[in-house]
Amino acid sequence: MLSDERTQVITQIHDSPSMAVLVVTGGGARTLAELTAVPGASRTILEALIPYCDASLTEFLQAMPEQAVASDTAKALATRAYERAAVLKPREGVPVIGVACTATLATDRPKKGPHRMHVAVCGAESTKIYSLTLTKGARTREAEEQVAGELVLVAMAEACGISTGIAIDLLSDEEILCVERLAHRGER
């Protein structure tokens, strides 16, 4: 069940003029369900995709990424999502964004590398990338998925001009790094 705070933020996202294509892989999928659980999702979501396996991810990006869970991959996913949103928007003048999350979270087998996520939001002027490495072993998969969902919502709300007040549940040694890259000619 969604908290009142999350429901309020999602309602504000739905009330904003922005429409989005969302792409999540490896984590963050709960956010798609939350966005559609709150009335008004059709005013926000143009398309939502989960390219989970390598072949699907490669097909969506039209190239195999160097690493599935990386800030560059999140940026590439958000850029492709933005391009799809620009094609799918219902009419000219509608602001669109591409939202992406790529994450490697706790699973049913031991992992060698860190648990981490990268969320990117691409708009007409820039792409903002949020990166977070989680303290390995400190949370369950569900708890890590909760953090991923919070980060996606905060990033999406910020892109829609909404101040969320959502406090992402970070541990003392965790920090969200944020980088903004301006769009260049031939890149969106």
N, C-alpha and C. Protein backbone atom coordinates (compact mmCIF):
# COMPACT_ATOMS: atom_id res chain seq x y z
N MET A 1 0.84 -1.19 0.00
CA MET A 1 0.00 0.00 0.00
C MET A 1 0.89 1.25 0.00
N LEU A 2 0.50 2.20 -0.80
CA LEU A 2 1.24 3.45 -0.91
C LEU A 2 1.03 4.34 0.30
N SER A 3 2.08 4.99 0.74
CA SER A 3 1.94 5.96 1.82
C SER A 3 1.21 7.18 1.28
N ASP A 4 0.63 7.96 2.18
CA ASP A 4 -0.05 9.19 1.78
C ASP A 4 0.91 10.14 1.08
N GLU A 5 2.14 10.20 1.59
CA GLU A 5 3.15 11.09 1.01
C GLU A 5 3.46 10.71 -0.45
N ARG A 6 3.66 9.41 -0.70
CA ARG A 6 3.95 8.95 -2.06
C ARG A 6 2.74 9.17 -2.97
N THR A 7 1.55 8.90 -2.46
CA THR A 7 0.34 9.11 -3.25
C THR A 7 0.21 10.58 -3.63
N GLN A 8 0.50 11.47 -2.70
CA GLN A 8 0.43 12.91 -2.97
C GLN A 8 1.44 13.32 -4.05
N VAL A 9 2.66 12.81 -3.97
CA VAL A 9 3.68 13.15 -4.96
C VAL A 9 3.27 12.62 -6.33
N ILE A 10 2.77 11.40 -6.38
CA ILE A 10 2.35 10.83 -7.67
C ILE A 10 1.17 11.61 -8.23
N THR A 11 0.26 12.02 -7.39
CA THR A 11 -0.87 12.85 -7.85
C THR A 11 -0.35 14.16 -8.45
N GLN A 12 0.64 14.78 -7.81
CA GLN A 12 1.22 16.01 -8.35
C GLN A 12 1.93 15.76 -9.68
N ILE A 13 2.60 14.63 -9.81
CA ILE A 13 3.23 14.27 -11.08
C ILE A 13 2.16 14.14 -12.16
N HIS A 14 1.06 13.45 -11.84
CA HIS A 14 -0.03 13.28 -12.80
C HIS A 14 -0.69 14.62 -13.16
N ASP A 15 -0.69 15.55 -12.21
CA ASP A 15 -1.29 16.87 -12.46
C ASP A 15 -0.36 17.80 -13.24
N SER A 16 0.91 17.46 -13.33
CA SER A 16 1.85 18.30 -14.07
C SER A 16 1.62 18.10 -15.57
N PRO A 17 2.08 19.02 -16.40
CA PRO A 17 1.86 18.87 -17.84
C PRO A 17 2.78 17.85 -18.51
N SER A 18 3.83 17.41 -17.81
CA SER A 18 4.81 16.52 -18.41
C SER A 18 4.27 15.11 -18.61
N MET A 19 4.67 14.52 -19.73
CA MET A 19 4.36 13.12 -20.01
C MET A 19 5.67 12.38 -20.16
N ALA A 20 5.66 11.07 -19.89
CA ALA A 20 6.92 10.34 -19.81
C ALA A 20 6.84 8.95 -20.41
N VAL A 21 8.00 8.51 -20.88
CA VAL A 21 8.25 7.10 -21.14
C VAL A 21 9.21 6.67 -20.05
N LEU A 22 8.89 5.56 -19.38
CA LEU A 22 9.71 5.04 -18.29
C LEU A 22 10.30 3.70 -18.68
N VAL A 23 11.57 3.52 -18.36
CA VAL A 23 12.27 2.28 -18.64
C VAL A 23 13.00 1.87 -17.37
N VAL A 24 12.73 0.66 -16.88
CA VAL A 24 13.42 0.17 -15.70
C VAL A 24 13.98 -1.22 -15.99
N THR A 25 15.15 -1.48 -15.47
CA THR A 25 15.76 -2.79 -15.65
C THR A 25 16.57 -3.14 -14.41
N GLY A 26 16.28 -4.30 -13.84
CA GLY A 26 17.02 -4.77 -12.68
C GLY A 26 16.53 -4.25 -11.35
N GLY A 27 15.71 -3.28 -11.33
CA GLY A 27 15.15 -2.71 -10.11
C GLY A 27 14.36 -1.46 -10.45
N GLY A 28 13.47 -1.06 -9.58
CA GLY A 28 12.65 0.13 -9.80
C GLY A 28 11.29 -0.15 -10.41
N ALA A 29 11.01 -1.43 -10.72
CA ALA A 29 9.75 -1.76 -11.39
C ALA A 29 8.53 -1.46 -10.53
N ARG A 30 8.69 -1.49 -9.23
CA ARG A 30 7.56 -1.20 -8.34
C ARG A 30 7.01 0.21 -8.61
N THR A 31 7.89 1.11 -9.00
CA THR A 31 7.46 2.48 -9.28
C THR A 31 6.42 2.53 -10.39
N LEU A 32 6.56 1.66 -11.39
CA LEU A 32 5.58 1.62 -12.48
C LEU A 32 4.20 1.26 -11.94
N ALA A 33 4.16 0.27 -11.06
CA ALA A 33 2.89 -0.12 -10.46
C ALA A 33 2.31 1.01 -9.60
N GLU A 34 3.17 1.69 -8.86
CA GLU A 34 2.70 2.79 -8.02
C GLU A 34 2.14 3.94 -8.85
N LEU A 35 2.84 4.27 -9.94
CA LEU A 35 2.37 5.36 -10.80
C LEU A 35 1.01 5.04 -11.41
N THR A 36 0.78 3.77 -11.77
CA THR A 36 -0.50 3.41 -12.37
C THR A 36 -1.58 3.15 -11.34
N ALA A 37 -1.20 2.97 -10.07
CA ALA A 37 -2.19 2.74 -9.01
C ALA A 37 -2.90 4.02 -8.59
N VAL A 38 -2.29 5.15 -8.87
CA VAL A 38 -2.89 6.44 -8.50
C VAL A 38 -3.65 6.99 -9.70
N PRO A 39 -4.91 7.36 -9.53
CA PRO A 39 -5.69 7.87 -10.65
C PRO A 39 -4.99 9.03 -11.38
N GLY A 40 -5.07 9.02 -12.70
CA GLY A 40 -4.48 10.08 -13.50
C GLY A 40 -3.25 9.64 -14.26
N ALA A 41 -2.88 8.38 -14.16
CA ALA A 41 -1.66 7.88 -14.81
C ALA A 41 -1.67 8.11 -16.31
N SER A 42 -2.84 8.09 -16.93
CA SER A 42 -2.90 8.27 -18.38
C SER A 42 -2.51 9.69 -18.80
N ARG A 43 -2.49 10.61 -17.85
CA ARG A 43 -2.03 11.98 -18.15
C ARG A 43 -0.51 12.08 -18.08
N THR A 44 0.14 11.04 -17.54
CA THR A 44 1.59 11.07 -17.33
C THR A 44 2.33 10.04 -18.19
N ILE A 45 1.86 8.82 -18.15
CA ILE A 45 2.62 7.72 -18.76
C ILE A 45 2.22 7.51 -20.21
N LEU A 46 3.20 7.66 -21.08
CA LEU A 46 3.01 7.35 -22.49
C LEU A 46 3.31 5.88 -22.75
N GLU A 47 4.33 5.37 -22.05
CA GLU A 47 4.76 3.99 -22.22
C GLU A 47 5.66 3.63 -21.05
N ALA A 48 5.63 2.36 -20.65
CA ALA A 48 6.52 1.86 -19.60
C ALA A 48 7.07 0.53 -20.06
N LEU A 49 8.39 0.40 -19.96
CA LEU A 49 9.06 -0.79 -20.46
C LEU A 49 10.00 -1.37 -19.40
N ILE A 50 10.17 -2.70 -19.47
CA ILE A 50 11.11 -3.38 -18.59
C ILE A 50 11.99 -4.29 -19.45
N PRO A 51 13.03 -3.74 -20.07
CA PRO A 51 13.94 -4.59 -20.85
C PRO A 51 14.91 -5.30 -19.91
N TYR A 52 14.49 -6.45 -19.39
CA TYR A 52 15.18 -7.10 -18.28
C TYR A 52 16.36 -7.96 -18.72
N CYS A 53 16.20 -8.72 -19.77
CA CYS A 53 17.31 -9.59 -20.19
C CYS A 53 18.27 -8.81 -21.10
N ASP A 54 19.46 -9.32 -21.26
CA ASP A 54 20.48 -8.65 -22.07
C ASP A 54 20.01 -8.37 -23.49
N ALA A 55 19.34 -9.35 -24.11
CA ALA A 55 18.88 -9.19 -25.49
C ALA A 55 17.86 -8.05 -25.59
N SER A 56 16.95 -7.97 -24.64
CA SER A 56 15.94 -6.91 -24.65
C SER A 56 16.57 -5.54 -24.42
N LEU A 57 17.50 -5.47 -23.48
CA LEU A 57 18.20 -4.22 -23.20
C LEU A 57 18.98 -3.76 -24.44
N THR A 58 19.68 -4.68 -25.07
CA THR A 58 20.46 -4.36 -26.27
C THR A 58 19.55 -3.91 -27.40
N GLU A 59 18.42 -4.57 -27.56
CA GLU A 59 17.48 -4.17 -28.63
C GLU A 59 16.93 -2.77 -28.36
N PHE A 60 16.56 -2.49 -27.10
CA PHE A 60 16.01 -1.18 -26.80
C PHE A 60 17.03 -0.08 -27.05
N LEU A 61 18.27 -0.32 -26.64
CA LEU A 61 19.32 0.70 -26.81
C LEU A 61 19.90 0.71 -28.23
N GLN A 62 19.57 -0.29 -29.01
CA GLN A 62 20.10 -0.45 -30.36
C GLN A 62 21.61 -0.65 -30.35
N ALA A 63 22.15 -1.09 -29.22
CA ALA A 63 23.56 -1.42 -29.07
C ALA A 63 23.73 -2.09 -27.71
N MET A 64 24.72 -2.93 -27.61
CA MET A 64 24.99 -3.59 -26.34
C MET A 64 25.75 -2.62 -25.42
N PRO A 65 25.22 -2.37 -24.22
CA PRO A 65 25.94 -1.46 -23.31
C PRO A 65 27.20 -2.13 -22.79
N GLU A 66 28.19 -1.31 -22.48
CA GLU A 66 29.43 -1.84 -21.90
C GLU A 66 29.14 -2.54 -20.58
N GLN A 67 28.24 -1.95 -19.80
CA GLN A 67 27.83 -2.52 -18.51
C GLN A 67 26.35 -2.19 -18.33
N ALA A 68 25.55 -3.17 -17.93
CA ALA A 68 24.11 -2.96 -17.79
C ALA A 68 23.77 -1.94 -16.71
N VAL A 69 24.48 -2.00 -15.58
CA VAL A 69 24.18 -1.10 -14.46
C VAL A 69 25.33 -0.09 -14.36
N ALA A 70 25.14 1.02 -15.05
CA ALA A 70 26.14 2.09 -15.07
C ALA A 70 25.44 3.40 -15.37
N SER A 71 26.06 4.50 -14.98
CA SER A 71 25.44 5.82 -15.23
C SER A 71 25.29 6.08 -16.73
N ASP A 72 26.26 5.66 -17.53
CA ASP A 72 26.15 5.85 -18.98
C ASP A 72 24.98 5.06 -19.56
N THR A 73 24.74 3.87 -19.02
CA THR A 73 23.61 3.06 -19.49
C THR A 73 22.29 3.72 -19.09
N ALA A 74 22.22 4.23 -17.86
CA ALA A 74 21.01 4.93 -17.43
C ALA A 74 20.75 6.14 -18.33
N LYS A 75 21.81 6.87 -18.65
CA LYS A 75 21.67 8.03 -19.53
C LYS A 75 21.18 7.60 -20.91
N ALA A 76 21.75 6.53 -21.45
CA ALA A 76 21.34 6.04 -22.76
C ALA A 76 19.89 5.58 -22.74
N LEU A 77 19.48 4.89 -21.68
CA LEU A 77 18.08 4.46 -21.56
C LEU A 77 17.13 5.65 -21.49
N ALA A 78 17.49 6.64 -20.68
CA ALA A 78 16.64 7.83 -20.55
C ALA A 78 16.56 8.60 -21.87
N THR A 79 17.66 8.65 -22.59
CA THR A 79 17.68 9.34 -23.88
C THR A 79 16.75 8.64 -24.87
N ARG A 80 16.85 7.31 -24.94
CA ARG A 80 15.95 6.55 -25.83
C ARG A 80 14.50 6.73 -25.39
N ALA A 81 14.26 6.73 -24.09
CA ALA A 81 12.91 6.93 -23.58
C ALA A 81 12.39 8.31 -23.96
N TYR A 82 13.25 9.31 -23.86
CA TYR A 82 12.88 10.67 -24.26
C TYR A 82 12.51 10.70 -25.76
N GLU A 83 13.33 10.06 -26.57
CA GLU A 83 13.04 10.01 -28.01
C GLU A 83 11.69 9.35 -28.29
N ARG A 84 11.39 8.26 -27.55
CA ARG A 84 10.09 7.58 -27.70
C ARG A 84 8.97 8.53 -27.26
N ALA A 85 9.18 9.23 -26.15
CA ALA A 85 8.16 10.15 -25.64
C ALA A 85 7.87 11.25 -26.66
N ALA A 86 8.92 11.75 -27.31
CA ALA A 86 8.74 12.80 -28.32
C ALA A 86 7.89 12.31 -29.48
N VAL A 87 8.00 11.04 -29.81
CA VAL A 87 7.21 10.44 -30.90
C VAL A 87 5.78 10.16 -30.44
N LEU A 88 5.62 9.71 -29.20
CA LEU A 88 4.32 9.26 -28.70
C LEU A 88 3.44 10.37 -28.13
N LYS A 89 4.00 11.54 -27.85
CA LYS A 89 3.20 12.59 -27.21
C LYS A 89 1.96 12.90 -28.06
N PRO A 90 0.85 13.19 -27.40
CA PRO A 90 -0.42 13.34 -28.11
C PRO A 90 -0.54 14.59 -28.98
N ARG A 91 0.24 15.61 -28.67
CA ARG A 91 0.14 16.86 -29.46
C ARG A 91 1.40 17.69 -29.23
N GLU A 92 1.65 18.61 -30.13
CA GLU A 92 2.79 19.51 -29.99
C GLU A 92 2.63 20.36 -28.73
N GLY A 93 3.74 20.74 -28.17
CA GLY A 93 3.72 21.60 -26.99
C GLY A 93 3.66 20.86 -25.67
N VAL A 94 3.43 19.55 -25.71
CA VAL A 94 3.41 18.77 -24.47
C VAL A 94 4.85 18.49 -24.06
N PRO A 95 5.25 18.91 -22.85
CA PRO A 95 6.62 18.61 -22.41
C PRO A 95 6.75 17.11 -22.12
N VAL A 96 7.85 16.53 -22.59
CA VAL A 96 8.07 15.11 -22.36
C VAL A 96 9.42 14.87 -21.70
N ILE A 97 9.49 13.74 -20.99
CA ILE A 97 10.74 13.31 -20.35
C ILE A 97 10.90 11.81 -20.56
N GLY A 98 12.14 11.39 -20.54
CA GLY A 98 12.46 9.97 -20.53
C GLY A 98 13.04 9.65 -19.16
N VAL A 99 12.51 8.64 -18.51
CA VAL A 99 12.94 8.27 -17.16
C VAL A 99 13.47 6.85 -17.21
N ALA A 100 14.65 6.63 -16.62
CA ALA A 100 15.24 5.30 -16.63
C ALA A 100 15.84 4.96 -15.28
N CYS A 101 15.78 3.68 -14.95
CA CYS A 101 16.44 3.16 -13.76
C CYS A 101 17.09 1.84 -14.13
N THR A 102 18.36 1.73 -13.86
CA THR A 102 19.06 0.46 -13.99
C THR A 102 19.70 0.17 -12.64
N ALA A 103 19.47 -1.04 -12.15
CA ALA A 103 19.91 -1.35 -10.79
C ALA A 103 20.31 -2.81 -10.67
N THR A 104 21.23 -3.06 -9.79
CA THR A 104 21.57 -4.41 -9.37
C THR A 104 21.34 -4.46 -7.87
N LEU A 105 20.36 -5.25 -7.48
CA LEU A 105 19.92 -5.29 -6.09
C LEU A 105 20.09 -6.69 -5.53
N ALA A 106 19.80 -6.83 -4.25
CA ALA A 106 19.88 -8.13 -3.59
C ALA A 106 19.06 -9.16 -4.36
N THR A 107 19.57 -10.38 -4.43
CA THR A 107 18.89 -11.44 -5.16
C THR A 107 19.00 -12.75 -4.37
N ASP A 108 18.62 -13.85 -5.02
CA ASP A 108 18.62 -15.14 -4.34
C ASP A 108 19.96 -15.88 -4.43
N ARG A 109 21.00 -15.19 -4.89
CA ARG A 109 22.34 -15.77 -4.95
C ARG A 109 23.35 -14.69 -4.58
N PRO A 110 24.53 -15.09 -4.12
CA PRO A 110 25.55 -14.09 -3.76
C PRO A 110 26.00 -13.29 -4.98
N LYS A 111 26.25 -12.02 -4.77
CA LYS A 111 26.74 -11.14 -5.83
C LYS A 111 28.16 -10.71 -5.49
N LYS A 112 29.00 -10.62 -6.52
CA LYS A 112 30.38 -10.20 -6.33
C LYS A 112 30.49 -8.69 -6.12
N GLY A 113 29.78 -7.94 -6.93
CA GLY A 113 29.90 -6.48 -6.89
C GLY A 113 28.93 -5.82 -5.94
N PRO A 114 29.01 -4.50 -5.89
CA PRO A 114 28.13 -3.74 -4.99
C PRO A 114 26.69 -3.71 -5.50
N HIS A 115 25.78 -3.47 -4.59
CA HIS A 115 24.38 -3.25 -4.94
C HIS A 115 24.29 -1.75 -5.24
N ARG A 116 23.78 -1.42 -6.43
CA ARG A 116 23.79 -0.02 -6.84
C ARG A 116 22.66 0.25 -7.81
N MET A 117 22.42 1.54 -8.02
CA MET A 117 21.39 1.96 -8.96
C MET A 117 21.78 3.29 -9.58
N HIS A 118 21.28 3.47 -10.79
CA HIS A 118 21.46 4.74 -11.50
C HIS A 118 20.09 5.09 -12.09
N VAL A 119 19.63 6.29 -11.78
CA VAL A 119 18.36 6.79 -12.30
C VAL A 119 18.68 8.01 -13.14
N ALA A 120 18.13 8.06 -14.34
CA ALA A 120 18.37 9.21 -15.22
C ALA A 120 17.04 9.74 -15.73
N VAL A 121 16.97 11.05 -15.86
CA VAL A 121 15.81 11.71 -16.44
C VAL A 121 16.30 12.63 -17.55
N CYS A 122 15.83 12.37 -18.75
CA CYS A 122 16.24 13.15 -19.92
C CYS A 122 15.08 14.05 -20.35
N GLY A 123 15.39 15.33 -20.50
CA GLY A 123 14.43 16.29 -21.01
C GLY A 123 15.02 16.98 -22.22
N ALA A 124 14.36 18.00 -22.70
CA ALA A 124 14.80 18.69 -23.91
C ALA A 124 16.15 19.40 -23.72
N GLU A 125 16.42 19.86 -22.52
CA GLU A 125 17.63 20.66 -22.28
C GLU A 125 18.79 19.88 -21.68
N SER A 126 18.49 18.86 -20.87
CA SER A 126 19.56 18.16 -20.18
C SER A 126 19.11 16.79 -19.70
N THR A 127 20.08 16.03 -19.22
CA THR A 127 19.82 14.74 -18.57
C THR A 127 20.44 14.80 -17.19
N LYS A 128 19.66 14.45 -16.20
CA LYS A 128 20.15 14.40 -14.83
C LYS A 128 20.29 12.93 -14.44
N ILE A 129 21.44 12.59 -13.88
CA ILE A 129 21.71 11.21 -13.49
C ILE A 129 21.98 11.15 -11.99
N TYR A 130 21.25 10.28 -11.31
CA TYR A 130 21.37 10.07 -9.88
C TYR A 130 21.97 8.68 -9.66
N SER A 131 23.07 8.60 -8.95
CA SER A 131 23.74 7.32 -8.70
C SER A 131 23.83 7.06 -7.21
N LEU A 132 23.60 5.81 -6.83
CA LEU A 132 23.62 5.43 -5.42
C LEU A 132 24.17 4.02 -5.29
N THR A 133 25.17 3.86 -4.45
CA THR A 133 25.68 2.54 -4.08
C THR A 133 25.15 2.23 -2.68
N LEU A 134 24.47 1.11 -2.56
CA LEU A 134 23.88 0.70 -1.29
C LEU A 134 24.89 -0.08 -0.45
N THR A 135 24.70 -0.06 0.85
CA THR A 135 25.51 -0.86 1.74
C THR A 135 25.08 -2.31 1.56
N LYS A 136 25.98 -3.11 1.02
CA LYS A 136 25.67 -4.51 0.69
C LYS A 136 25.32 -5.30 1.95
N GLY A 137 24.20 -6.02 1.86
CA GLY A 137 23.78 -6.88 2.97
C GLY A 137 23.00 -6.17 4.06
N ALA A 138 22.81 -4.87 3.94
CA ALA A 138 22.11 -4.12 4.99
C ALA A 138 20.59 -4.12 4.83
N ARG A 139 20.11 -4.48 3.63
CA ARG A 139 18.67 -4.46 3.36
C ARG A 139 18.26 -5.74 2.63
N THR A 140 16.98 -6.04 2.71
CA THR A 140 16.41 -7.11 1.90
C THR A 140 16.21 -6.61 0.48
N ARG A 141 15.91 -7.49 -0.43
CA ARG A 141 15.60 -7.08 -1.80
C ARG A 141 14.44 -6.09 -1.81
N GLU A 142 13.42 -6.39 -1.03
CA GLU A 142 12.25 -5.51 -0.97
C GLU A 142 12.64 -4.11 -0.49
N ALA A 143 13.50 -4.04 0.51
CA ALA A 143 13.93 -2.74 1.04
C ALA A 143 14.79 -2.00 0.02
N GLU A 144 15.65 -2.73 -0.70
CA GLU A 144 16.45 -2.09 -1.75
C GLU A 144 15.55 -1.60 -2.89
N GLU A 145 14.55 -2.37 -3.22
CA GLU A 145 13.58 -1.97 -4.25
C GLU A 145 12.83 -0.72 -3.81
N GLN A 146 12.54 -0.62 -2.52
CA GLN A 146 11.87 0.57 -1.98
C GLN A 146 12.74 1.82 -2.20
N VAL A 147 14.03 1.70 -1.93
CA VAL A 147 14.95 2.82 -2.13
C VAL A 147 15.00 3.19 -3.62
N ALA A 148 15.08 2.19 -4.49
CA ALA A 148 15.11 2.46 -5.93
C ALA A 148 13.85 3.20 -6.35
N GLY A 149 12.71 2.76 -5.86
CA GLY A 149 11.44 3.42 -6.20
C GLY A 149 11.38 4.85 -5.70
N GLU A 150 11.88 5.07 -4.50
CA GLU A 150 11.91 6.43 -3.95
C GLU A 150 12.78 7.33 -4.82
N LEU A 151 13.93 6.82 -5.24
CA LEU A 151 14.84 7.62 -6.06
C LEU A 151 14.22 7.94 -7.42
N VAL A 152 13.54 6.97 -8.02
CA VAL A 152 12.87 7.22 -9.30
C VAL A 152 11.79 8.29 -9.13
N LEU A 153 10.99 8.17 -8.09
CA LEU A 153 9.92 9.16 -7.86
C LEU A 153 10.48 10.56 -7.62
N VAL A 154 11.52 10.65 -6.80
CA VAL A 154 12.12 11.96 -6.51
C VAL A 154 12.68 12.57 -7.79
N ALA A 155 13.39 11.78 -8.59
CA ALA A 155 13.97 12.28 -9.84
C ALA A 155 12.88 12.72 -10.82
N MET A 156 11.85 11.91 -10.94
CA MET A 156 10.76 12.23 -11.86
C MET A 156 10.00 13.48 -11.40
N ALA A 157 9.73 13.56 -10.12
CA ALA A 157 9.03 14.73 -9.58
C ALA A 157 9.84 16.00 -9.80
N GLU A 158 11.15 15.92 -9.54
CA GLU A 158 12.01 17.08 -9.76
C GLU A 158 11.96 17.53 -11.22
N ALA A 159 11.96 16.58 -12.14
CA ALA A 159 11.89 16.93 -13.56
C ALA A 159 10.56 17.58 -13.92
N CYS A 160 9.54 17.28 -13.14
CA CYS A 160 8.21 17.87 -13.37
C CYS A 160 8.03 19.17 -12.57
N GLY A 161 9.08 19.62 -11.88
CA GLY A 161 9.02 20.86 -11.11
C GLY A 161 8.32 20.72 -9.77
N ILE A 162 8.35 19.52 -9.21
CA ILE A 162 7.64 19.25 -7.96
C ILE A 162 8.65 18.97 -6.85
N SER A 163 8.45 19.64 -5.71
CA SER A 163 9.26 19.37 -4.52
C SER A 163 8.56 18.25 -3.76
N THR A 164 9.26 17.14 -3.51
CA THR A 164 8.57 15.96 -3.00
C THR A 164 8.47 15.87 -1.49
N GLY A 165 9.52 16.17 -0.80
CA GLY A 165 9.52 15.93 0.64
C GLY A 165 9.73 14.47 0.98
N ILE A 166 9.90 13.61 -0.05
CA ILE A 166 10.18 12.20 0.21
C ILE A 166 11.62 12.09 0.71
N ALA A 167 11.77 11.50 1.86
CA ALA A 167 13.09 11.28 2.42
C ALA A 167 13.53 9.87 2.03
N ILE A 168 14.51 9.79 1.16
CA ILE A 168 15.01 8.48 0.74
C ILE A 168 15.75 7.86 1.91
N ASP A 169 15.42 6.62 2.21
CA ASP A 169 15.94 5.93 3.38
C ASP A 169 17.39 5.49 3.17
N LEU A 170 18.32 6.43 3.38
CA LEU A 170 19.74 6.16 3.20
C LEU A 170 20.39 5.82 4.53
N LEU A 171 21.38 4.95 4.47
CA LEU A 171 22.18 4.64 5.65
C LEU A 171 23.30 5.66 5.75
N SER A 172 23.97 5.70 6.89
CA SER A 172 24.97 6.76 7.15
C SER A 172 26.12 6.78 6.15
N ASP A 173 26.46 5.65 5.54
CA ASP A 173 27.57 5.61 4.59
C ASP A 173 27.11 5.68 3.13
N GLU A 174 25.85 6.01 2.90
CA GLU A 174 25.31 6.08 1.54
C GLU A 174 25.06 7.53 1.14
N GLU A 175 25.31 7.83 -0.12
CA GLU A 175 25.13 9.19 -0.63
C GLU A 175 24.70 9.12 -2.09
N ILE A 176 23.72 9.94 -2.43
CA ILE A 176 23.27 10.03 -3.82
C ILE A 176 24.15 11.06 -4.52
N LEU A 177 24.75 10.63 -5.60
CA LEU A 177 25.54 11.53 -6.43
C LEU A 177 24.69 11.94 -7.62
N CYS A 178 24.68 13.22 -7.93
CA CYS A 178 23.85 13.73 -9.01
C CYS A 178 24.72 14.51 -9.99
N VAL A 179 24.55 14.18 -11.27
CA VAL A 179 25.28 14.85 -12.34
C VAL A 179 24.27 15.29 -13.38
N GLU A 180 24.41 16.51 -13.87
CA GLU A 180 23.54 16.99 -14.94
C GLU A 180 24.38 17.22 -16.18
N ARG A 181 23.94 16.65 -17.28
CA ARG A 181 24.63 16.81 -18.56
C ARG A 181 23.70 17.54 -19.52
N LEU A 182 24.18 18.65 -20.05
CA LEU A 182 23.39 19.42 -21.00
C LEU A 182 23.29 18.68 -22.32
N ALA A 183 22.17 18.86 -22.99
CA ALA A 183 21.99 18.25 -24.31
C ALA A 183 22.90 18.92 -25.32
N HIS A 184 23.45 18.15 -26.23
CA HIS A 184 24.30 18.68 -27.29
C HIS A 184 23.62 18.50 -28.64
N ARG A 185 24.09 19.20 -29.62
CA ARG A 185 23.51 19.06 -30.95
C ARG A 185 23.56 17.58 -31.36
N GLY A 186 22.44 17.07 -31.83
CA GLY A 186 22.35 15.68 -32.22
C GLY A 186 22.09 14.76 -31.05
N GLU A 187 22.02 15.29 -29.85
CA GLU A 187 21.75 14.50 -28.65
C GLU A 187 20.64 15.20 -27.88
N ARG A 188 19.78 14.42 -27.29
CA ARG A 188 18.70 14.99 -26.47
C ARG A 188 18.76 14.45 -25.09
